[in-house]
């Protein structure tokens, strides 16, 4: 079974992606890890329990202001406000990390080539990476970046100096998917219906591109007292999913139609 620790804070919303990270990216007590795009901070806090140190890079200062209390809870965790695609933003952190993870962030990045150059900058020679993001059809994409062909994505990744690159698509295996649907998505959909707030007159309908623009961020402070119970429930769901073995099926040779509407997984290393 995957080691999936219970983390009381921060409040989170069905963090099943953490199972993918733990299944596909070995993280141990000697690793110095960084995460690009921390969002709710849930993955960052979970990884802090497994590694020597973790640094979370986030473009949104309000998001990190709301998460600073986690730095007091985890002595090996720190947050950095930075646009990792900006020139010279990462000079103090160049080559500092053995491991890099980024989940559901690349789709919000204007310049994906600069994003992967940042990945290469942050990693030590031989350091490993895991990047996963939804590559959605143009008509329903909630981000601003997508790819029609895996070859286009590969060119960006390898062009940044990353090697041993694998571009794959992932999906939940059948048994974990049934658990996720019955104990995860259905209760979450019910909660969202209960908490639904109709957009105010003149409110922008565009999908938020920064975490501090989301409804979940707006509720995070109110949810903090409830987080131990909420997170205990999600931890139980993740454990139930994990009981069936590997939760994710990985297709390393997707056809173009599959690739254009899938959760994409990028793994590799920084070259020597």
C-alpha atoms as a PDB file:
ATOM      1  CA  UNK A   1       0.000   0.000   0.000  1.00  0.00           C
ATOM      2  CA  UNK A   2       1.000   3.615  -0.537  1.00  0.00           C
ATOM      3  CA  UNK A   3       2.010   5.531   2.567  1.00  0.00           C
ATOM      4  CA  UNK A   4      -0.718   8.165   2.786  1.00  0.00           C
ATOM      5  CA  UNK A   5      -0.446  10.115   6.037  1.00  0.00           C
ATOM      6  CA  UNK A   6      -3.248  11.909   7.826  1.00  0.00           C
ATOM      7  CA  UNK A   7      -2.694  15.667   7.898  1.00  0.00           C
ATOM      8  CA  UNK A   8      -5.027  17.742  10.090  1.00  0.00           C
ATOM      9  CA  UNK A   9      -4.403  21.100   8.364  1.00  0.00           C
ATOM     10  CA  UNK A  10      -5.015  22.787   5.970  1.00  0.00           C
ATOM     11  CA  UNK A  11      -8.638  22.100   4.975  1.00  0.00           C
ATOM     12  CA  UNK A  12      -8.770  20.335   1.650  1.00  0.00           C
ATOM     13  CA  UNK A  13     -11.253  19.065  -0.904  1.00  0.00           C
ATOM     14  CA  UNK A  14     -10.803  15.397  -1.882  1.00  0.00           C
ATOM     15  CA  UNK A  15      -7.001  15.340  -2.402  1.00  0.00           C
ATOM     16  CA  UNK A  16      -6.940  12.131  -4.463  1.00  0.00           C
ATOM     17  CA  UNK A  17      -4.123  13.557  -6.604  1.00  0.00           C
ATOM     18  CA  UNK A  18      -1.813  12.940  -3.623  1.00  0.00           C
ATOM     19  CA  UNK A  19      -2.130   9.215  -4.298  1.00  0.00           C
ATOM     20  CA  UNK A  20      -0.806   9.776  -7.822  1.00  0.00           C
ATOM     21  CA  UNK A  21       2.137  11.780  -6.477  1.00  0.00           C
ATOM     22  CA  UNK A  22       3.010   9.126  -3.903  1.00  0.00           C
ATOM     23  CA  UNK A  23       2.592   6.242  -6.354  1.00  0.00           C
ATOM     24  CA  UNK A  24       4.667   7.771  -9.137  1.00  0.00           C
ATOM     25  CA  UNK A  25       7.243   9.887  -7.291  1.00  0.00           C
ATOM     26  CA  UNK A  26       9.270   8.317  -4.531  1.00  0.00           C
ATOM     27  CA  UNK A  27       9.857  10.853  -1.742  1.00  0.00           C
ATOM     28  CA  UNK A  28      12.120   9.966   1.160  1.00  0.00           C
ATOM     29  CA  UNK A  29      13.721  11.497   4.256  1.00  0.00           C
ATOM     30  CA  UNK A  30      16.804  12.670   2.343  1.00  0.00           C
ATOM     31  CA  UNK A  31      14.892  14.571  -0.334  1.00  0.00           C
ATOM     32  CA  UNK A  32      14.711  18.331  -0.648  1.00  0.00           C
ATOM     33  CA  UNK A  33      11.404  18.864  -2.426  1.00  0.00           C
ATOM     34  CA  UNK A  34       9.780  21.855  -4.073  1.00  0.00           C
ATOM     35  CA  UNK A  35       6.234  22.306  -5.265  1.00  0.00           C
ATOM     36  CA  UNK A  36       5.182  24.802  -7.931  1.00  0.00           C
ATOM     37  CA  UNK A  37       1.630  26.011  -7.342  1.00  0.00           C
ATOM     38  CA  UNK A  38       0.683  25.049  -3.791  1.00  0.00           C
ATOM     39  CA  UNK A  39      -3.037  25.896  -4.001  1.00  0.00           C
ATOM     40  CA  UNK A  40      -4.697  24.807  -0.765  1.00  0.00           C
ATOM     41  CA  UNK A  41      -1.345  23.679   0.667  1.00  0.00           C
ATOM     42  CA  UNK A  42      -2.642  20.160   1.325  1.00  0.00           C
ATOM     43  CA  UNK A  43      -0.091  18.334  -0.846  1.00  0.00           C
ATOM     44  CA  UNK A  44       2.716  20.495   0.536  1.00  0.00           C
ATOM     45  CA  UNK A  45       1.812  19.664   4.116  1.00  0.00           C
ATOM     46  CA  UNK A  46       1.507  15.952   3.357  1.00  0.00           C
ATOM     47  CA  UNK A  47       4.906  15.825   1.649  1.00  0.00           C
ATOM     48  CA  UNK A  48       6.467  17.743   4.567  1.00  0.00           C
ATOM     49  CA  UNK A  49       5.938  14.626   6.690  1.00  0.00           C
ATOM     50  CA  UNK A  50       7.996  12.510   4.285  1.00  0.00           C
ATOM     51  CA  UNK A  51      11.006  14.571   3.223  1.00  0.00           C
ATOM     52  CA  UNK A  52      13.964  16.534   4.603  1.00  0.00           C
ATOM     53  CA  UNK A  53      12.580  19.875   3.424  1.00  0.00           C
ATOM     54  CA  UNK A  54       9.894  21.263   1.159  1.00  0.00           C
ATOM     55  CA  UNK A  55       9.560  24.694  -0.428  1.00  0.00           C
ATOM     56  CA  UNK A  56       6.277  25.747  -1.978  1.00  0.00           C
ATOM     57  CA  UNK A  57       6.362  28.341  -4.765  1.00  0.00           C
ATOM     58  CA  UNK A  58       3.126  30.218  -5.381  1.00  0.00           C
ATOM     59  CA  UNK A  59       2.378  33.270  -7.523  1.00  0.00           C
ATOM     60  CA  UNK A  60      -0.461  34.403  -5.251  1.00  0.00           C
ATOM     61  CA  UNK A  61       0.681  36.327  -2.167  1.00  0.00           C
ATOM     62  CA  UNK A  62      -2.807  36.188  -0.548  1.00  0.00           C
ATOM     63  CA  UNK A  63      -2.757  32.399  -0.842  1.00  0.00           C
ATOM     64  CA  UNK A  64       0.534  32.135   1.030  1.00  0.00           C
ATOM     65  CA  UNK A  65      -0.527  34.719   3.604  1.00  0.00           C
ATOM     66  CA  UNK A  66      -3.404  32.362   4.427  1.00  0.00           C
ATOM     67  CA  UNK A  67      -1.044  29.373   4.705  1.00  0.00           C
ATOM     68  CA  UNK A  68       1.838  30.816   6.742  1.00  0.00           C
ATOM     69  CA  UNK A  69       0.606  29.022   9.863  1.00  0.00           C
ATOM     70  CA  UNK A  70       1.700  25.761   8.220  1.00  0.00           C
ATOM     71  CA  UNK A  71       5.320  26.913   8.419  1.00  0.00           C
ATOM     72  CA  UNK A  72       4.947  26.897  12.213  1.00  0.00           C
ATOM     73  CA  UNK A  73       3.412  23.419  12.153  1.00  0.00           C
ATOM     74  CA  UNK A  74       6.124  21.961   9.896  1.00  0.00           C
ATOM     75  CA  UNK A  75       9.644  23.156  10.662  1.00  0.00           C
ATOM     76  CA  UNK A  76      10.928  21.825   7.324  1.00  0.00           C
ATOM     77  CA  UNK A  77       8.352  23.725   5.220  1.00  0.00           C
ATOM     78  CA  UNK A  78       8.633  27.202   3.762  1.00  0.00           C
ATOM     79  CA  UNK A  79       6.629  29.155   1.230  1.00  0.00           C
ATOM     80  CA  UNK A  80       7.953  31.561  -1.390  1.00  0.00           C
ATOM     81  CA  UNK A  81       5.889  34.073  -3.355  1.00  0.00           C
ATOM     82  CA  UNK A  82       7.247  33.955  -6.898  1.00  0.00           C
ATOM     83  CA  UNK A  83       6.265  33.852 -10.534  1.00  0.00           C
ATOM     84  CA  UNK A  84       8.578  31.014 -11.482  1.00  0.00           C
ATOM     85  CA  UNK A  85       8.387  31.974 -15.170  1.00  0.00           C
ATOM     86  CA  UNK A  86       9.813  35.455 -14.511  1.00  0.00           C
ATOM     87  CA  UNK A  87      13.491  36.036 -15.407  1.00  0.00           C
ATOM     88  CA  UNK A  88      15.805  35.797 -12.379  1.00  0.00           C
ATOM     89  CA  UNK A  89      12.948  34.901  -9.992  1.00  0.00           C
ATOM     90  CA  UNK A  90      14.602  31.631  -9.009  1.00  0.00           C
ATOM     91  CA  UNK A  91      18.265  32.666  -8.771  1.00  0.00           C
ATOM     92  CA  UNK A  92      18.431  32.062  -4.978  1.00  0.00           C
ATOM     93  CA  UNK A  93      16.974  28.554  -5.421  1.00  0.00           C
ATOM     94  CA  UNK A  94      18.846  27.307  -8.497  1.00  0.00           C
ATOM     95  CA  UNK A  95      19.830  23.656  -8.166  1.00  0.00           C
ATOM     96  CA  UNK A  96      18.474  23.430  -4.618  1.00  0.00           C
ATOM     97  CA  UNK A  97      16.090  20.473  -4.946  1.00  0.00           C
ATOM     98  CA  UNK A  98      16.249  16.732  -5.527  1.00  0.00           C
ATOM     99  CA  UNK A  99      12.546  16.483  -6.331  1.00  0.00           C
ATOM    100  CA  UNK A 100       9.923  18.726  -7.909  1.00  0.00           C
ATOM    101  CA  UNK A 101       6.168  18.286  -7.998  1.00  0.00           C
ATOM    102  CA  UNK A 102       3.491  20.431  -9.620  1.00  0.00           C
ATOM    103  CA  UNK A 103      -0.158  19.417  -9.734  1.00  0.00           C
ATOM    104  CA  UNK A 104      -2.934  21.171 -11.641  1.00  0.00           C
ATOM    105  CA  UNK A 105      -0.897  24.329 -12.211  1.00  0.00           C
ATOM    106  CA  UNK A 106       0.535  24.158 -15.736  1.00  0.00           C
ATOM    107  CA  UNK A 107      -2.896  24.750 -17.297  1.00  0.00           C
ATOM    108  CA  UNK A 108      -2.899  28.214 -15.670  1.00  0.00           C
ATOM    109  CA  UNK A 109       0.569  29.198 -16.930  1.00  0.00           C
ATOM    110  CA  UNK A 110       0.838  31.676 -19.804  1.00  0.00           C
ATOM    111  CA  UNK A 111       4.323  30.536 -20.871  1.00  0.00           C
ATOM    112  CA  UNK A 112       4.700  26.749 -20.462  1.00  0.00           C
ATOM    113  CA  UNK A 113       8.196  26.780 -21.996  1.00  0.00           C
ATOM    114  CA  UNK A 114       9.337  29.155 -19.255  1.00  0.00           C
ATOM    115  CA  UNK A 115       7.635  26.906 -16.705  1.00  0.00           C
ATOM    116  CA  UNK A 116       9.765  23.910 -17.702  1.00  0.00           C
ATOM    117  CA  UNK A 117      12.898  26.054 -17.795  1.00  0.00           C
ATOM    118  CA  UNK A 118      12.045  26.920 -14.185  1.00  0.00           C
ATOM    119  CA  UNK A 119      11.712  23.207 -13.388  1.00  0.00           C
ATOM    120  CA  UNK A 120      15.200  22.608 -14.791  1.00  0.00           C
ATOM    121  CA  UNK A 121      16.578  25.587 -12.864  1.00  0.00           C
ATOM    122  CA  UNK A 122      15.206  24.412  -9.521  1.00  0.00           C
ATOM    123  CA  UNK A 123      16.379  20.808  -9.786  1.00  0.00           C
ATOM    124  CA  UNK A 124      19.839  19.513  -9.020  1.00  0.00           C
ATOM    125  CA  UNK A 125      21.524  17.487 -11.775  1.00  0.00           C
ATOM    126  CA  UNK A 126      19.742  14.131 -11.755  1.00  0.00           C
ATOM    127  CA  UNK A 127      16.789  15.553  -9.805  1.00  0.00           C
ATOM    128  CA  UNK A 128      13.366  14.105 -10.594  1.00  0.00           C
ATOM    129  CA  UNK A 129      10.105  15.787 -11.508  1.00  0.00           C
ATOM    130  CA  UNK A 130       6.402  15.038 -11.619  1.00  0.00           C
ATOM    131  CA  UNK A 131       4.018  17.465 -13.307  1.00  0.00           C
ATOM    132  CA  UNK A 132       0.360  16.630 -13.796  1.00  0.00           C
ATOM    133  CA  UNK A 133      -2.415  18.776 -15.229  1.00  0.00           C
ATOM    134  CA  UNK A 134      -5.795  18.472 -16.974  1.00  0.00           C
ATOM    135  CA  UNK A 135      -5.390  18.806 -20.739  1.00  0.00           C
ATOM    136  CA  UNK A 136      -8.965  19.758 -21.541  1.00  0.00           C
ATOM    137  CA  UNK A 137     -10.764  20.384 -24.842  1.00  0.00           C
ATOM    138  CA  UNK A 138     -10.805  24.038 -25.797  1.00  0.00           C
ATOM    139  CA  UNK A 139     -14.576  24.360 -25.431  1.00  0.00           C
ATOM    140  CA  UNK A 140     -14.541  23.452 -21.723  1.00  0.00           C
ATOM    141  CA  UNK A 141     -11.020  24.174 -20.533  1.00  0.00           C
ATOM    142  CA  UNK A 142     -10.874  26.062 -17.248  1.00  0.00           C
ATOM    143  CA  UNK A 143      -7.247  27.080 -17.678  1.00  0.00           C
ATOM    144  CA  UNK A 144      -5.396  29.006 -20.368  1.00  0.00           C
ATOM    145  CA  UNK A 145      -2.878  26.429 -21.604  1.00  0.00           C
ATOM    146  CA  UNK A 146      -3.468  23.123 -23.363  1.00  0.00           C
ATOM    147  CA  UNK A 147      -1.727  20.908 -25.929  1.00  0.00           C
ATOM    148  CA  UNK A 148      -3.083  19.196 -29.032  1.00  0.00           C
ATOM    149  CA  UNK A 149      -0.163  16.780 -29.307  1.00  0.00           C
ATOM    150  CA  UNK A 150       2.037  15.035 -26.803  1.00  0.00           C
ATOM    151  CA  UNK A 151       4.960  15.769 -29.126  1.00  0.00           C
ATOM    152  CA  UNK A 152       4.466  19.508 -28.616  1.00  0.00           C
ATOM    153  CA  UNK A 153       4.597  19.108 -24.858  1.00  0.00           C
ATOM    154  CA  UNK A 154       7.633  16.820 -25.084  1.00  0.00           C
ATOM    155  CA  UNK A 155       9.481  19.418 -27.150  1.00  0.00           C
ATOM    156  CA  UNK A 156       9.010  22.014 -24.414  1.00  0.00           C
ATOM    157  CA  UNK A 157      10.105  19.649 -21.650  1.00  0.00           C
ATOM    158  CA  UNK A 158      13.190  18.344 -23.441  1.00  0.00           C
ATOM    159  CA  UNK A 159      13.998  21.822 -24.738  1.00  0.00           C
ATOM    160  CA  UNK A 160      14.404  22.917 -21.113  1.00  0.00           C
ATOM    161  CA  UNK A 161      17.181  20.362 -20.639  1.00  0.00           C
ATOM    162  CA  UNK A 162      15.113  17.661 -18.942  1.00  0.00           C
ATOM    163  CA  UNK A 163      15.812  14.020 -19.808  1.00  0.00           C
ATOM    164  CA  UNK A 164      14.236  10.565 -19.464  1.00  0.00           C
ATOM    165  CA  UNK A 165      10.958  12.332 -20.195  1.00  0.00           C
ATOM    166  CA  UNK A 166       7.735  10.331 -20.166  1.00  0.00           C
ATOM    167  CA  UNK A 167       4.488  11.920 -21.327  1.00  0.00           C
ATOM    168  CA  UNK A 168       1.502   9.836 -20.248  1.00  0.00           C
ATOM    169  CA  UNK A 169      -2.168  10.089 -19.426  1.00  0.00           C
ATOM    170  CA  UNK A 170      -3.623   8.784 -16.196  1.00  0.00           C
ATOM    171  CA  UNK A 171      -7.004   7.594 -15.017  1.00  0.00           C
ATOM    172  CA  UNK A 172      -8.289   6.005 -11.857  1.00  0.00           C
ATOM    173  CA  UNK A 173      -8.367   2.218 -11.936  1.00  0.00           C
ATOM    174  CA  UNK A 174     -11.915   0.773 -11.864  1.00  0.00           C
ATOM    175  CA  UNK A 175     -12.137  -0.238  -8.184  1.00  0.00           C
ATOM    176  CA  UNK A 176     -10.601   2.973  -6.767  1.00  0.00           C
ATOM    177  CA  UNK A 177     -12.791   4.944  -9.189  1.00  0.00           C
ATOM    178  CA  UNK A 178     -15.927   3.346  -7.701  1.00  0.00           C
ATOM    179  CA  UNK A 179     -14.774   4.297  -4.199  1.00  0.00           C
ATOM    180  CA  UNK A 180     -13.950   7.821  -5.368  1.00  0.00           C
ATOM    181  CA  UNK A 181     -17.364   8.221  -6.956  1.00  0.00           C
ATOM    182  CA  UNK A 182     -19.437   6.905  -4.056  1.00  0.00           C
ATOM    183  CA  UNK A 183     -17.429   8.344  -1.141  1.00  0.00           C
ATOM    184  CA  UNK A 184     -15.757  11.315  -2.806  1.00  0.00           C
ATOM    185  CA  UNK A 185     -17.453  12.955  -5.771  1.00  0.00           C
ATOM    186  CA  UNK A 186     -21.067  12.364  -4.733  1.00  0.00           C
ATOM    187  CA  UNK A 187     -20.689  13.774  -1.196  1.00  0.00           C
ATOM    188  CA  UNK A 188     -18.629  16.652  -2.599  1.00  0.00           C
ATOM    189  CA  UNK A 189     -21.273  17.445  -5.217  1.00  0.00           C
ATOM    190  CA  UNK A 190     -23.944  17.453  -2.512  1.00  0.00           C
ATOM    191  CA  UNK A 191     -21.879  19.809  -0.349  1.00  0.00           C
ATOM    192  CA  UNK A 192     -21.367  22.137  -3.290  1.00  0.00           C
ATOM    193  CA  UNK A 193     -25.097  22.252  -3.967  1.00  0.00           C
ATOM    194  CA  UNK A 194     -25.759  23.118  -0.340  1.00  0.00           C
ATOM    195  CA  UNK A 195     -23.106  25.833  -0.336  1.00  0.00           C
ATOM    196  CA  UNK A 196     -23.814  27.155  -3.822  1.00  0.00           C
ATOM    197  CA  UNK A 197     -23.762  30.919  -4.170  1.00  0.00           C
ATOM    198  CA  UNK A 198     -25.246  32.461  -7.294  1.00  0.00           C
ATOM    199  CA  UNK A 199     -22.888  34.937  -9.028  1.00  0.00           C
ATOM    200  CA  UNK A 200     -23.562  38.533  -8.119  1.00  0.00           C
ATOM    201  CA  UNK A 201     -24.661  40.975 -10.794  1.00  0.00           C
ATOM    202  CA  UNK A 202     -21.664  41.884 -12.914  1.00  0.00           C
ATOM    203  CA  UNK A 203     -19.448  39.182 -11.376  1.00  0.00           C
ATOM    204  CA  UNK A 204     -16.924  37.766 -13.855  1.00  0.00           C
ATOM    205  CA  UNK A 205     -17.920  34.380 -15.218  1.00  0.00           C
ATOM    206  CA  UNK A 206     -14.400  33.405 -16.291  1.00  0.00           C
ATOM    207  CA  UNK A 207     -12.795  30.537 -14.409  1.00  0.00           C
ATOM    208  CA  UNK A 208     -10.292  31.737 -11.773  1.00  0.00           C
ATOM    209  CA  UNK A 209      -6.623  31.408 -12.739  1.00  0.00           C
ATOM    210  CA  UNK A 210      -5.205  32.001  -9.247  1.00  0.00           C
ATOM    211  CA  UNK A 211      -6.116  30.042  -6.147  1.00  0.00           C
ATOM    212  CA  UNK A 212      -7.017  33.154  -4.151  1.00  0.00           C
ATOM    213  CA  UNK A 213      -9.770  33.835  -6.713  1.00  0.00           C
ATOM    214  CA  UNK A 214     -11.556  30.538  -6.024  1.00  0.00           C
ATOM    215  CA  UNK A 215     -14.551  29.977  -3.752  1.00  0.00           C
ATOM    216  CA  UNK A 216     -12.608  27.386  -1.787  1.00  0.00           C
ATOM    217  CA  UNK A 217      -9.982  29.992  -0.869  1.00  0.00           C
ATOM    218  CA  UNK A 218     -12.718  32.351   0.259  1.00  0.00           C
ATOM    219  CA  UNK A 219     -14.014  29.662   2.641  1.00  0.00           C
ATOM    220  CA  UNK A 220     -10.643  28.360   3.879  1.00  0.00           C
ATOM    221  CA  UNK A 221     -10.455  30.513   7.004  1.00  0.00           C
ATOM    222  CA  UNK A 222     -13.970  29.469   8.071  1.00  0.00           C
ATOM    223  CA  UNK A 223     -13.141  25.822   7.367  1.00  0.00           C
ATOM    224  CA  UNK A 224      -9.955  25.731   9.439  1.00  0.00           C
ATOM    225  CA  UNK A 225     -11.694  24.767  12.716  1.00  0.00           C
ATOM    226  CA  UNK A 226     -13.426  21.924  10.850  1.00  0.00           C
ATOM    227  CA  UNK A 227     -10.338  20.782   8.950  1.00  0.00           C
ATOM    228  CA  UNK A 228      -9.282  17.917  11.276  1.00  0.00           C
ATOM    229  CA  UNK A 229     -12.653  16.214  10.758  1.00  0.00           C
ATOM    230  CA  UNK A 230     -12.891  17.009   7.040  1.00  0.00           C
ATOM    231  CA  UNK A 231      -9.359  15.786   6.418  1.00  0.00           C
ATOM    232  CA  UNK A 232      -9.916  12.648   8.503  1.00  0.00           C
ATOM    233  CA  UNK A 233     -12.840  11.768   6.232  1.00  0.00           C
ATOM    234  CA  UNK A 234     -10.788  12.341   3.064  1.00  0.00           C
ATOM    235  CA  UNK A 235      -7.898  10.347   4.523  1.00  0.00           C
ATOM    236  CA  UNK A 236     -10.288   7.456   5.073  1.00  0.00           C
ATOM    237  CA  UNK A 237     -11.491   7.697   1.464  1.00  0.00           C
ATOM    238  CA  UNK A 238      -7.892   7.709   0.182  1.00  0.00           C
ATOM    239  CA  UNK A 239      -7.073   4.675   2.340  1.00  0.00           C
ATOM    240  CA  UNK A 240     -10.117   2.853   0.974  1.00  0.00           C
ATOM    241  CA  UNK A 241      -9.062   3.647  -2.600  1.00  0.00           C
ATOM    242  CA  UNK A 242      -5.489   2.562  -1.910  1.00  0.00           C
ATOM    243  CA  UNK A 243      -6.621  -0.775  -0.451  1.00  0.00           C
ATOM    244  CA  UNK A 244      -7.154  -2.051  -4.014  1.00  0.00           C
ATOM    245  CA  UNK A 245      -3.508  -1.531  -4.983  1.00  0.00           C
ATOM    246  CA  UNK A 246      -2.228   1.136  -7.383  1.00  0.00           C
ATOM    247  CA  UNK A 247      -5.046   3.622  -7.843  1.00  0.00           C
ATOM    248  CA  UNK A 248      -3.966   4.965 -11.226  1.00  0.00           C
ATOM    249  CA  UNK A 249      -3.618   3.408 -14.639  1.00  0.00           C
ATOM    250  CA  UNK A 250      -0.950   5.096 -16.761  1.00  0.00           C
ATOM    251  CA  UNK A 251      -0.942   5.058 -20.568  1.00  0.00           C
ATOM    252  CA  UNK A 252       2.520   6.054 -21.771  1.00  0.00           C
ATOM    253  CA  UNK A 253       1.532   5.936 -25.462  1.00  0.00           C
ATOM    254  CA  UNK A 254      -1.779   7.790 -25.748  1.00  0.00           C
ATOM    255  CA  UNK A 255      -3.252   8.559 -29.146  1.00  0.00           C
ATOM    256  CA  UNK A 256      -3.948  12.202 -29.974  1.00  0.00           C
ATOM    257  CA  UNK A 257      -7.684  12.006 -29.242  1.00  0.00           C
ATOM    258  CA  UNK A 258      -7.037  10.539 -25.797  1.00  0.00           C
ATOM    259  CA  UNK A 259      -4.283  13.053 -25.053  1.00  0.00           C
ATOM    260  CA  UNK A 260      -6.475  16.042 -25.890  1.00  0.00           C
ATOM    261  CA  UNK A 261      -8.928  15.222 -23.072  1.00  0.00           C
ATOM    262  CA  UNK A 262      -7.032  13.654 -20.199  1.00  0.00           C
ATOM    263  CA  UNK A 263      -5.110  14.136 -17.005  1.00  0.00           C
ATOM    264  CA  UNK A 264      -1.577  14.347 -18.335  1.00  0.00           C
ATOM    265  CA  UNK A 265       1.448  13.144 -16.381  1.00  0.00           C
ATOM    266  CA  UNK A 266       4.988  14.352 -17.111  1.00  0.00           C
ATOM    267  CA  UNK A 267       7.942  12.714 -15.405  1.00  0.00           C
ATOM    268  CA  UNK A 268      11.674  12.925 -15.977  1.00  0.00           C
ATOM    269  CA  UNK A 269      14.976  14.190 -14.600  1.00  0.00           C
ATOM    270  CA  UNK A 270      17.280  17.139 -14.947  1.00  0.00           C
ATOM    271  CA  UNK A 271      20.267  16.267 -17.112  1.00  0.00           C
ATOM    272  CA  UNK A 272      23.717  16.007 -15.613  1.00  0.00           C
END
